[in-house]
Amino acid sequence: MFVFLKNTIKRGVNGIDRWSRRSILETHDHYLCFLPARPRSLTHALLRIFFRGIHMAPEQRAKLDPLAPGAILVHVTKFRSTFDFLFYHTRYLQYGKAVPELGLGYRVLFWQHPLRLARIVLARIDHLLRIGGFPDPYRRDYIKGELLAGRCAFLSLVEEKVFTAASSRLKPIRWNI
């Protein structure tokens, strides 16, 4: 009787384990800092409508043309702004340029696909139960791997709330380090 119960529980746990690993695609590397560039998604349709009245200067677009095809591209702004990240993500996709998909220091929750959000939650829970703690994209070399794989990133040098007149003596890059 106890052997039967033990085997039944073990089969159930193994089934849940297989299901959870398949759901998160066998990796814990699902983060809110990644916003995939899918031009035909509802997210991008909403973003295009939201940013329709804002245009980029042709000379700004022309600066991206001479970049080497295998270059690691990181767009940098002075102040942290989710608006800027979403704008460049949308416009560069529209113009066929390198789209910043990795927001270094950003957590884009609202614009994620619901299935992707479910994977992020499952990956965090699975990592917590198996390893302990939540996965960190920097310690797990996720960011490095994605950049080497050809993805483009978006980085802000200074948090807007931190960099004030009183702290202007500090160099902005120091906050990033």
C-alpha atoms as a PDB file:
ATOM      1  CA  MET A   1       0.000   0.000   0.000  1.00  0.00           C
ATOM      2  CA  PHE A   2       2.746   2.470   0.965  1.00  0.00           C
ATOM      3  CA  VAL A   3       4.827   1.484  -2.068  1.00  0.00           C
ATOM      4  CA  PHE A   4       1.838   2.104  -4.359  1.00  0.00           C
ATOM      5  CA  LEU A   5       1.212   5.515  -2.760  1.00  0.00           C
ATOM      6  CA  LYS A   6       4.907   6.417  -2.941  1.00  0.00           C
ATOM      7  CA  ASN A   7       5.102   5.441  -6.656  1.00  0.00           C
ATOM      8  CA  THR A   8       1.912   7.361  -7.457  1.00  0.00           C
ATOM      9  CA  ILE A   9       3.235  10.525  -5.804  1.00  0.00           C
ATOM     10  CA  LYS A  10       6.598  10.098  -7.538  1.00  0.00           C
ATOM     11  CA  ARG A  11       4.912   9.763 -10.964  1.00  0.00           C
ATOM     12  CA  GLY A  12       2.828  12.873 -10.271  1.00  0.00           C
ATOM     13  CA  VAL A  13       5.859  14.906  -9.216  1.00  0.00           C
ATOM     14  CA  ASN A  14       7.831  13.711 -12.265  1.00  0.00           C
ATOM     15  CA  GLY A  15       4.918  14.667 -14.531  1.00  0.00           C
ATOM     16  CA  ILE A  16       4.739  18.155 -13.040  1.00  0.00           C
ATOM     17  CA  ASP A  17       8.516  18.450 -13.356  1.00  0.00           C
ATOM     18  CA  ARG A  18       8.449  17.503 -17.064  1.00  0.00           C
ATOM     19  CA  TRP A  19       5.551  19.883 -17.705  1.00  0.00           C
ATOM     20  CA  SER A  20       7.280  22.805 -15.964  1.00  0.00           C
ATOM     21  CA  ARG A  21      10.567  22.219 -17.827  1.00  0.00           C
ATOM     22  CA  ARG A  22       8.756  22.070 -21.177  1.00  0.00           C
ATOM     23  CA  SER A  23       6.738  25.198 -20.354  1.00  0.00           C
ATOM     24  CA  ILE A  24       9.837  27.275 -19.694  1.00  0.00           C
ATOM     25  CA  LEU A  25      11.642  25.756 -22.708  1.00  0.00           C
ATOM     26  CA  GLU A  26      14.261  24.007 -20.540  1.00  0.00           C
ATOM     27  CA  THR A  27      15.841  27.265 -19.366  1.00  0.00           C
ATOM     28  CA  HIS A  28      15.388  29.816 -16.585  1.00  0.00           C
ATOM     29  CA  ASP A  29      16.458  32.652 -18.887  1.00  0.00           C
ATOM     30  CA  HIS A  30      13.146  34.487 -19.197  1.00  0.00           C
ATOM     31  CA  TYR A  31      13.386  38.097 -17.987  1.00  0.00           C
ATOM     32  CA  LEU A  32      11.355  41.298 -18.089  1.00  0.00           C
ATOM     33  CA  CYS A  33      14.311  43.212 -19.539  1.00  0.00           C
ATOM     34  CA  PHE A  34      13.814  41.458 -22.906  1.00  0.00           C
ATOM     35  CA  LEU A  35      11.152  42.766 -25.281  1.00  0.00           C
ATOM     36  CA  PRO A  36      11.118  40.696 -28.483  1.00  0.00           C
ATOM     37  CA  ALA A  37      10.836  42.417 -31.839  1.00  0.00           C
ATOM     38  CA  ARG A  38       7.762  40.868 -33.416  1.00  0.00           C
ATOM     39  CA  PRO A  39       6.413  43.300 -36.014  1.00  0.00           C
ATOM     40  CA  ARG A  40       2.961  41.732 -36.309  1.00  0.00           C
ATOM     41  CA  SER A  41       2.036  41.542 -32.643  1.00  0.00           C
ATOM     42  CA  LEU A  42      -0.689  43.493 -30.878  1.00  0.00           C
ATOM     43  CA  THR A  43       1.941  45.107 -28.669  1.00  0.00           C
ATOM     44  CA  HIS A  44       3.737  46.666 -31.611  1.00  0.00           C
ATOM     45  CA  ALA A  45       0.484  47.794 -33.188  1.00  0.00           C
ATOM     46  CA  LEU A  46      -0.387  49.650 -29.973  1.00  0.00           C
ATOM     47  CA  LEU A  47       3.109  51.133 -29.718  1.00  0.00           C
ATOM     48  CA  ARG A  48       2.985  52.323 -33.351  1.00  0.00           C
ATOM     49  CA  ILE A  49      -0.329  54.066 -32.647  1.00  0.00           C
ATOM     50  CA  PHE A  50       1.065  55.596 -29.452  1.00  0.00           C
ATOM     51  CA  PHE A  51       4.210  56.962 -31.162  1.00  0.00           C
ATOM     52  CA  ARG A  52       2.640  57.880 -34.515  1.00  0.00           C
ATOM     53  CA  GLY A  53       3.101  61.637 -34.148  1.00  0.00           C
ATOM     54  CA  ILE A  54       6.789  61.490 -33.220  1.00  0.00           C
ATOM     55  CA  HIS A  55       9.335  61.347 -36.028  1.00  0.00           C
ATOM     56  CA  MET A  56      13.067  60.679 -36.119  1.00  0.00           C
ATOM     57  CA  ALA A  57      15.384  62.991 -37.985  1.00  0.00           C
ATOM     58  CA  PRO A  58      16.815  61.458 -41.188  1.00  0.00           C
ATOM     59  CA  GLU A  59      20.363  62.281 -40.080  1.00  0.00           C
ATOM     60  CA  GLN A  60      19.816  60.272 -36.889  1.00  0.00           C
ATOM     61  CA  ARG A  61      18.660  57.281 -38.921  1.00  0.00           C
ATOM     62  CA  ALA A  62      21.609  57.690 -41.302  1.00  0.00           C
ATOM     63  CA  LYS A  63      24.083  57.321 -38.422  1.00  0.00           C
ATOM     64  CA  LEU A  64      23.051  53.682 -38.035  1.00  0.00           C
ATOM     65  CA  ASP A  65      23.740  52.735 -41.676  1.00  0.00           C
ATOM     66  CA  PRO A  66      27.564  52.477 -41.611  1.00  0.00           C
ATOM     67  CA  LEU A  67      27.662  50.099 -38.641  1.00  0.00           C
ATOM     68  CA  ALA A  68      29.355  46.749 -39.215  1.00  0.00           C
ATOM     69  CA  PRO A  69      26.900  43.837 -39.516  1.00  0.00           C
ATOM     70  CA  GLY A  70      28.485  41.811 -36.689  1.00  0.00           C
ATOM     71  CA  ALA A  71      28.857  44.727 -34.269  1.00  0.00           C
ATOM     72  CA  ILE A  72      27.480  44.617 -30.738  1.00  0.00           C
ATOM     73  CA  LEU A  73      25.140  47.576 -30.665  1.00  0.00           C
ATOM     74  CA  VAL A  74      24.073  49.288 -27.430  1.00  0.00           C
ATOM     75  CA  HIS A  75      21.936  52.422 -27.652  1.00  0.00           C
ATOM     76  CA  VAL A  76      22.766  54.787 -24.786  1.00  0.00           C
ATOM     77  CA  THR A  77      20.742  57.630 -23.311  1.00  0.00           C
ATOM     78  CA  LYS A  78      21.665  59.961 -20.502  1.00  0.00           C
ATOM     79  CA  PHE A  79      18.575  59.536 -18.336  1.00  0.00           C
ATOM     80  CA  ARG A  80      16.533  56.416 -17.732  1.00  0.00           C
ATOM     81  CA  SER A  81      13.254  56.545 -19.610  1.00  0.00           C
ATOM     82  CA  THR A  82      10.973  53.652 -20.495  1.00  0.00           C
ATOM     83  CA  PHE A  83       9.360  55.994 -23.023  1.00  0.00           C
ATOM     84  CA  ASP A  84      12.690  56.293 -24.898  1.00  0.00           C
ATOM     85  CA  PHE A  85      13.273  52.543 -24.803  1.00  0.00           C
ATOM     86  CA  LEU A  86       9.828  51.793 -26.235  1.00  0.00           C
ATOM     87  CA  PHE A  87      10.168  54.589 -28.818  1.00  0.00           C
ATOM     88  CA  TYR A  88      13.507  53.340 -30.164  1.00  0.00           C
ATOM     89  CA  HIS A  89      12.244  49.768 -30.049  1.00  0.00           C
ATOM     90  CA  THR A  90       9.235  50.717 -32.171  1.00  0.00           C
ATOM     91  CA  ARG A  91      10.913  53.136 -34.593  1.00  0.00           C
ATOM     92  CA  TYR A  92      13.977  51.043 -35.344  1.00  0.00           C
ATOM     93  CA  LEU A  93      11.744  48.080 -36.075  1.00  0.00           C
ATOM     94  CA  GLN A  94       9.653  50.262 -38.381  1.00  0.00           C
ATOM     95  CA  TYR A  95      12.754  51.556 -40.226  1.00  0.00           C
ATOM     96  CA  GLY A  96      14.429  48.138 -40.438  1.00  0.00           C
ATOM     97  CA  LYS A  97      17.340  49.070 -38.165  1.00  0.00           C
ATOM     98  CA  ALA A  98      18.855  47.111 -35.266  1.00  0.00           C
ATOM     99  CA  VAL A  99      16.040  46.981 -32.704  1.00  0.00           C
ATOM    100  CA  PRO A 100      16.992  47.330 -29.022  1.00  0.00           C
ATOM    101  CA  GLU A 101      15.415  44.243 -27.486  1.00  0.00           C
ATOM    102  CA  LEU A 102      17.366  44.157 -24.221  1.00  0.00           C
ATOM    103  CA  GLY A 103      16.628  46.986 -21.815  1.00  0.00           C
ATOM    104  CA  LEU A 104      19.601  47.006 -19.436  1.00  0.00           C
ATOM    105  CA  GLY A 105      18.131  48.040 -16.101  1.00  0.00           C
ATOM    106  CA  TYR A 106      14.573  48.121 -17.466  1.00  0.00           C
ATOM    107  CA  ARG A 107      11.622  45.934 -16.543  1.00  0.00           C
ATOM    108  CA  VAL A 108       8.977  46.104 -19.237  1.00  0.00           C
ATOM    109  CA  LEU A 109       5.978  44.329 -17.758  1.00  0.00           C
ATOM    110  CA  PHE A 110       2.934  45.827 -19.476  1.00  0.00           C
ATOM    111  CA  TRP A 111       4.174  45.311 -23.070  1.00  0.00           C
ATOM    112  CA  GLN A 112       5.045  41.606 -22.709  1.00  0.00           C
ATOM    113  CA  HIS A 113       3.005  38.906 -24.412  1.00  0.00           C
ATOM    114  CA  PRO A 114       0.822  37.022 -21.854  1.00  0.00           C
ATOM    115  CA  LEU A 115       2.429  33.679 -22.716  1.00  0.00           C
ATOM    116  CA  ARG A 116       5.873  35.219 -22.207  1.00  0.00           C
ATOM    117  CA  LEU A 117       4.761  36.620 -18.834  1.00  0.00           C
ATOM    118  CA  ALA A 118       3.604  33.140 -17.803  1.00  0.00           C
ATOM    119  CA  ARG A 119       7.014  31.725 -18.794  1.00  0.00           C
ATOM    120  CA  ILE A 120       8.779  34.426 -16.780  1.00  0.00           C
ATOM    121  CA  VAL A 121       6.713  33.613 -13.674  1.00  0.00           C
ATOM    122  CA  LEU A 122       7.168  29.847 -14.098  1.00  0.00           C
ATOM    123  CA  ALA A 123      10.918  30.221 -14.644  1.00  0.00           C
ATOM    124  CA  ARG A 124      11.260  32.315 -11.484  1.00  0.00           C
ATOM    125  CA  ILE A 125       9.234  29.836  -9.411  1.00  0.00           C
ATOM    126  CA  ASP A 126      11.148  26.867 -10.837  1.00  0.00           C
ATOM    127  CA  HIS A 127      14.497  28.572 -10.160  1.00  0.00           C
ATOM    128  CA  LEU A 128      13.382  29.417  -6.623  1.00  0.00           C
ATOM    129  CA  LEU A 129      12.357  25.824  -5.874  1.00  0.00           C
ATOM    130  CA  ARG A 130      15.332  24.125  -7.545  1.00  0.00           C
ATOM    131  CA  ILE A 131      18.253  26.468  -6.878  1.00  0.00           C
ATOM    132  CA  GLY A 132      16.958  29.016  -4.385  1.00  0.00           C
ATOM    133  CA  GLY A 133      16.538  32.711  -5.101  1.00  0.00           C
ATOM    134  CA  PHE A 134      15.505  34.362  -8.319  1.00  0.00           C
ATOM    135  CA  PRO A 135      17.579  34.241 -11.514  1.00  0.00           C
ATOM    136  CA  ASP A 136      19.749  37.277 -12.279  1.00  0.00           C
ATOM    137  CA  PRO A 137      20.362  37.976 -15.995  1.00  0.00           C
ATOM    138  CA  TYR A 138      23.772  39.510 -15.273  1.00  0.00           C
ATOM    139  CA  ARG A 139      25.133  36.741 -13.049  1.00  0.00           C
ATOM    140  CA  ARG A 140      23.853  34.025 -15.367  1.00  0.00           C
ATOM    141  CA  ASP A 141      25.588  35.716 -18.353  1.00  0.00           C
ATOM    142  CA  TYR A 142      22.252  35.979 -20.144  1.00  0.00           C
ATOM    143  CA  ILE A 143      22.917  39.570 -21.259  1.00  0.00           C
ATOM    144  CA  LYS A 144      26.405  38.708 -22.505  1.00  0.00           C
ATOM    145  CA  GLY A 145      25.106  35.707 -24.437  1.00  0.00           C
ATOM    146  CA  GLU A 146      22.299  37.686 -26.049  1.00  0.00           C
ATOM    147  CA  LEU A 147      24.646  40.500 -27.078  1.00  0.00           C
ATOM    148  CA  LEU A 148      27.114  38.022 -28.576  1.00  0.00           C
ATOM    149  CA  ALA A 149      24.215  36.349 -30.388  1.00  0.00           C
ATOM    150  CA  GLY A 150      23.542  39.627 -32.211  1.00  0.00           C
ATOM    151  CA  ARG A 151      20.794  41.237 -30.150  1.00  0.00           C
ATOM    152  CA  CYS A 152      20.799  44.970 -29.591  1.00  0.00           C
ATOM    153  CA  ALA A 153      20.557  46.591 -26.135  1.00  0.00           C
ATOM    154  CA  PHE A 154      19.409  49.879 -24.627  1.00  0.00           C
ATOM    155  CA  LEU A 155      21.284  51.412 -21.691  1.00  0.00           C
ATOM    156  CA  SER A 156      20.763  54.509 -19.561  1.00  0.00           C
ATOM    157  CA  LEU A 157      23.706  56.125 -17.859  1.00  0.00           C
ATOM    158  CA  VAL A 158      21.870  57.827 -15.001  1.00  0.00           C
ATOM    159  CA  GLU A 159      18.660  57.271 -13.091  1.00  0.00           C
ATOM    160  CA  GLU A 160      16.712  60.511 -13.434  1.00  0.00           C
ATOM    161  CA  LYS A 161      15.733  60.580  -9.765  1.00  0.00           C
ATOM    162  CA  VAL A 162      19.302  60.050  -8.549  1.00  0.00           C
ATOM    163  CA  PHE A 163      21.181  62.541 -10.697  1.00  0.00           C
ATOM    164  CA  THR A 164      20.322  65.933  -9.224  1.00  0.00           C
ATOM    165  CA  ALA A 165      22.178  69.229  -8.858  1.00  0.00           C
ATOM    166  CA  ALA A 166      23.576  68.080  -5.498  1.00  0.00           C
ATOM    167  CA  SER A 167      25.043  64.901  -6.971  1.00  0.00           C
ATOM    168  CA  SER A 168      26.191  66.458 -10.260  1.00  0.00           C
ATOM    169  CA  ARG A 169      29.836  66.177  -9.153  1.00  0.00           C
ATOM    170  CA  LEU A 170      29.644  62.416  -9.747  1.00  0.00           C
ATOM    171  CA  LYS A 171      30.219  61.125 -13.240  1.00  0.00           C
ATOM    172  CA  PRO A 172      27.098  59.529 -14.795  1.00  0.00           C
ATOM    173  CA  ILE A 173      28.870  56.325 -15.851  1.00  0.00           C
ATOM    174  CA  ARG A 174      29.780  55.640 -12.207  1.00  0.00           C
ATOM    175  CA  TRP A 175      26.108  54.998 -11.414  1.00  0.00           C
ATOM    176  CA  ASN A 176      26.041  52.328 -14.083  1.00  0.00           C
ATOM    177  CA  ILE A 177      29.138  50.563 -12.732  1.00  0.00           C
END
